[in-house]
Amino acid sequence: MMSYFSSEDIVLLENSVKETLEHGCKECKFKFIVFSTNVSLEPDGTKVFFLEVECPNCDAEYTDIMAMRNLND
């Protein structure tokens, strides 16, 4: 079975999560957010990296697209 995710993809996710945790909620800057990281593999081979964020302080919910990469990147 072929793996579609590289070590560069993992580093991208780690760095994006670290940055999100440092900045906190976009709405109120609360540091203790709830989030999940996701990667979508599109039919054309593009990988879309995103975070789904929920803030227990202000009840904000949003999705951040962190990056997009082609399978050949």
N, C-alpha and C. Protein backbone atom coordinates (compact mmCIF):
# COMPACT_ATOMS: atom_id res chain seq x y z
N MET A 1 0.84 -1.19 0.00
CA MET A 1 0.00 0.00 0.00
C MET A 1 0.88 1.24 0.00
N MET A 2 0.58 2.19 -0.88
CA MET A 2 1.37 3.41 -1.01
C MET A 2 0.94 4.45 0.02
N SER A 3 1.90 5.06 0.68
CA SER A 3 1.60 6.12 1.64
C SER A 3 1.58 7.46 0.92
N TYR A 4 0.54 8.23 1.16
CA TYR A 4 0.41 9.53 0.52
C TYR A 4 0.94 10.66 1.39
N PHE A 5 1.44 10.33 2.58
CA PHE A 5 1.89 11.36 3.50
C PHE A 5 3.37 11.20 3.78
N SER A 6 4.08 12.30 3.67
CA SER A 6 5.53 12.29 3.84
C SER A 6 5.92 12.87 5.19
N SER A 7 7.18 12.77 5.51
CA SER A 7 7.67 13.38 6.75
C SER A 7 7.50 14.90 6.70
N GLU A 8 7.58 15.47 5.50
CA GLU A 8 7.36 16.92 5.36
C GLU A 8 5.92 17.28 5.72
N ASP A 9 4.98 16.41 5.39
CA ASP A 9 3.58 16.63 5.75
C ASP A 9 3.40 16.64 7.26
N ILE A 10 4.05 15.73 7.94
CA ILE A 10 3.96 15.65 9.41
C ILE A 10 4.55 16.90 10.04
N VAL A 11 5.69 17.35 9.53
CA VAL A 11 6.32 18.56 10.04
C VAL A 11 5.41 19.76 9.83
N LEU A 12 4.77 19.83 8.68
CA LEU A 12 3.83 20.93 8.39
C LEU A 12 2.70 20.93 9.41
N LEU A 13 2.13 19.77 9.69
CA LEU A 13 1.06 19.67 10.69
C LEU A 13 1.55 20.08 12.07
N GLU A 14 2.71 19.58 12.47
CA GLU A 14 3.25 19.92 13.79
C GLU A 14 3.47 21.42 13.94
N ASN A 15 4.05 22.04 12.94
CA ASN A 15 4.33 23.49 13.01
C ASN A 15 3.04 24.30 13.02
N SER A 16 2.07 23.89 12.24
CA SER A 16 0.79 24.61 12.19
C SER A 16 0.05 24.51 13.51
N VAL A 17 0.06 23.33 14.12
CA VAL A 17 -0.60 23.16 15.41
C VAL A 17 0.11 23.99 16.47
N LYS A 18 1.43 23.98 16.47
CA LYS A 18 2.19 24.77 17.44
C LYS A 18 1.84 26.25 17.32
N GLU A 19 1.79 26.75 16.10
CA GLU A 19 1.45 28.17 15.88
C GLU A 19 0.04 28.48 16.36
N THR A 20 -0.89 27.59 16.07
CA THR A 20 -2.28 27.80 16.51
C THR A 20 -2.37 27.84 18.03
N LEU A 21 -1.68 26.91 18.70
CA LEU A 21 -1.71 26.89 20.16
C LEU A 21 -1.05 28.13 20.77
N GLU A 22 -0.02 28.64 20.14
CA GLU A 22 0.65 29.85 20.64
C GLU A 22 -0.26 31.07 20.53
N HIS A 23 -1.05 31.15 19.45
CA HIS A 23 -1.91 32.31 19.23
C HIS A 23 -3.27 32.18 19.90
N GLY A 24 -3.74 30.95 20.09
CA GLY A 24 -5.05 30.75 20.70
C GLY A 24 -6.18 31.06 19.74
N CYS A 25 -7.35 31.23 20.28
CA CYS A 25 -8.56 31.49 19.50
C CYS A 25 -8.43 32.78 18.69
N LYS A 26 -8.85 32.74 17.45
CA LYS A 26 -8.81 33.94 16.60
C LYS A 26 -9.76 35.03 17.09
N GLU A 27 -10.83 34.61 17.75
CA GLU A 27 -11.84 35.57 18.18
C GLU A 27 -11.49 36.24 19.51
N CYS A 28 -11.02 35.45 20.49
CA CYS A 28 -10.82 36.02 21.82
C CYS A 28 -9.41 35.77 22.40
N LYS A 29 -8.56 35.08 21.64
CA LYS A 29 -7.18 34.78 22.04
C LYS A 29 -7.05 33.80 23.22
N PHE A 30 -8.15 33.16 23.61
CA PHE A 30 -8.11 32.16 24.67
C PHE A 30 -7.18 31.03 24.26
N LYS A 31 -6.27 30.63 25.14
CA LYS A 31 -5.22 29.67 24.80
C LYS A 31 -5.64 28.21 24.86
N PHE A 32 -6.70 27.89 25.57
CA PHE A 32 -7.07 26.49 25.77
C PHE A 32 -8.21 26.09 24.85
N ILE A 33 -7.91 26.00 23.57
CA ILE A 33 -8.90 25.67 22.55
C ILE A 33 -8.98 24.15 22.34
N VAL A 34 -10.05 23.74 21.71
CA VAL A 34 -10.24 22.36 21.31
C VAL A 34 -10.07 22.33 19.79
N PHE A 35 -9.26 21.40 19.28
CA PHE A 35 -9.04 21.38 17.84
C PHE A 35 -8.79 19.97 17.35
N SER A 36 -8.98 19.80 16.05
CA SER A 36 -8.58 18.56 15.39
C SER A 36 -7.85 18.94 14.11
N THR A 37 -6.85 18.17 13.77
CA THR A 37 -6.14 18.38 12.51
C THR A 37 -6.68 17.40 11.50
N ASN A 38 -6.77 17.85 10.28
CA ASN A 38 -7.32 17.02 9.22
C ASN A 38 -6.55 17.24 7.94
N VAL A 39 -6.51 16.20 7.13
CA VAL A 39 -5.91 16.29 5.81
C VAL A 39 -6.90 15.68 4.82
N SER A 40 -7.19 16.44 3.80
CA SER A 40 -8.09 15.96 2.75
C SER A 40 -7.24 15.69 1.50
N LEU A 41 -7.36 14.51 0.92
CA LEU A 41 -6.67 14.18 -0.32
C LEU A 41 -7.67 14.33 -1.45
N GLU A 42 -7.50 15.37 -2.24
CA GLU A 42 -8.43 15.69 -3.32
C GLU A 42 -8.18 14.78 -4.52
N PRO A 43 -9.18 14.62 -5.40
CA PRO A 43 -9.02 13.73 -6.56
C PRO A 43 -7.85 14.09 -7.48
N ASP A 44 -7.49 15.37 -7.52
CA ASP A 44 -6.37 15.77 -8.39
C ASP A 44 -5.01 15.56 -7.74
N GLY A 45 -4.99 15.00 -6.52
CA GLY A 45 -3.72 14.74 -5.84
C GLY A 45 -3.30 15.83 -4.89
N THR A 46 -4.10 16.88 -4.73
CA THR A 46 -3.77 17.95 -3.81
C THR A 46 -4.13 17.53 -2.38
N LYS A 47 -3.20 17.77 -1.46
CA LYS A 47 -3.46 17.54 -0.04
C LYS A 47 -3.80 18.88 0.59
N VAL A 48 -4.93 18.93 1.29
CA VAL A 48 -5.36 20.15 1.97
C VAL A 48 -5.27 19.88 3.47
N PHE A 49 -4.45 20.67 4.16
CA PHE A 49 -4.23 20.53 5.60
C PHE A 49 -5.05 21.60 6.30
N PHE A 50 -5.89 21.18 7.25
CA PHE A 50 -6.70 22.17 7.95
C PHE A 50 -6.94 21.79 9.40
N LEU A 51 -7.29 22.81 10.18
CA LEU A 51 -7.63 22.64 11.59
C LEU A 51 -9.09 23.02 11.78
N GLU A 52 -9.80 22.23 12.54
CA GLU A 52 -11.14 22.59 12.98
C GLU A 52 -11.00 22.99 14.45
N VAL A 53 -11.41 24.22 14.77
CA VAL A 53 -11.18 24.79 16.10
C VAL A 53 -12.51 25.13 16.77
N GLU A 54 -12.58 24.83 18.07
CA GLU A 54 -13.70 25.25 18.92
C GLU A 54 -13.12 25.93 20.14
N CYS A 55 -13.70 27.05 20.52
CA CYS A 55 -13.23 27.77 21.70
C CYS A 55 -14.27 27.67 22.82
N PRO A 56 -13.90 27.07 23.95
CA PRO A 56 -14.85 26.96 25.06
C PRO A 56 -15.09 28.29 25.77
N ASN A 57 -14.24 29.28 25.51
CA ASN A 57 -14.38 30.58 26.16
C ASN A 57 -15.43 31.46 25.48
N CYS A 58 -15.37 31.55 24.14
CA CYS A 58 -16.29 32.44 23.43
C CYS A 58 -17.23 31.69 22.49
N ASP A 59 -17.14 30.36 22.47
CA ASP A 59 -17.99 29.49 21.64
C ASP A 59 -17.77 29.65 20.14
N ALA A 60 -16.65 30.24 19.75
CA ALA A 60 -16.33 30.35 18.32
C ALA A 60 -16.01 28.96 17.77
N GLU A 61 -16.40 28.72 16.54
CA GLU A 61 -16.06 27.52 15.81
C GLU A 61 -15.64 27.94 14.41
N TYR A 62 -14.49 27.47 13.96
CA TYR A 62 -14.02 27.82 12.63
C TYR A 62 -13.04 26.77 12.11
N THR A 63 -12.84 26.83 10.81
CA THR A 63 -11.90 25.95 10.14
C THR A 63 -10.81 26.79 9.51
N ASP A 64 -9.57 26.45 9.77
CA ASP A 64 -8.42 27.14 9.19
C ASP A 64 -7.73 26.22 8.20
N ILE A 65 -7.59 26.66 6.96
CA ILE A 65 -6.77 25.92 5.99
C ILE A 65 -5.33 26.36 6.22
N MET A 66 -4.48 25.40 6.58
CA MET A 66 -3.09 25.70 6.90
C MET A 66 -2.21 25.70 5.66
N ALA A 67 -2.43 24.74 4.77
CA ALA A 67 -1.59 24.64 3.58
C ALA A 67 -2.24 23.72 2.58
N MET A 68 -1.75 23.82 1.36
CA MET A 68 -2.15 22.91 0.29
C MET A 68 -0.87 22.48 -0.40
N ARG A 69 -0.78 21.18 -0.65
CA ARG A 69 0.41 20.64 -1.34
C ARG A 69 -0.03 19.61 -2.35
N ASN A 70 0.74 19.52 -3.43
CA ASN A 70 0.50 18.49 -4.42
C ASN A 70 1.24 17.23 -4.01
N LEU A 71 0.74 16.07 -4.40
CA LEU A 71 1.40 14.80 -4.05
C LEU A 71 2.87 14.78 -4.47
N ASN A 72 3.22 15.53 -5.49
CA ASN A 72 4.60 15.53 -5.99
C ASN A 72 5.50 16.52 -5.26
N ASP A 73 4.93 17.31 -4.34
CA ASP A 73 5.74 18.29 -3.59
C ASP A 73 6.59 17.61 -2.55
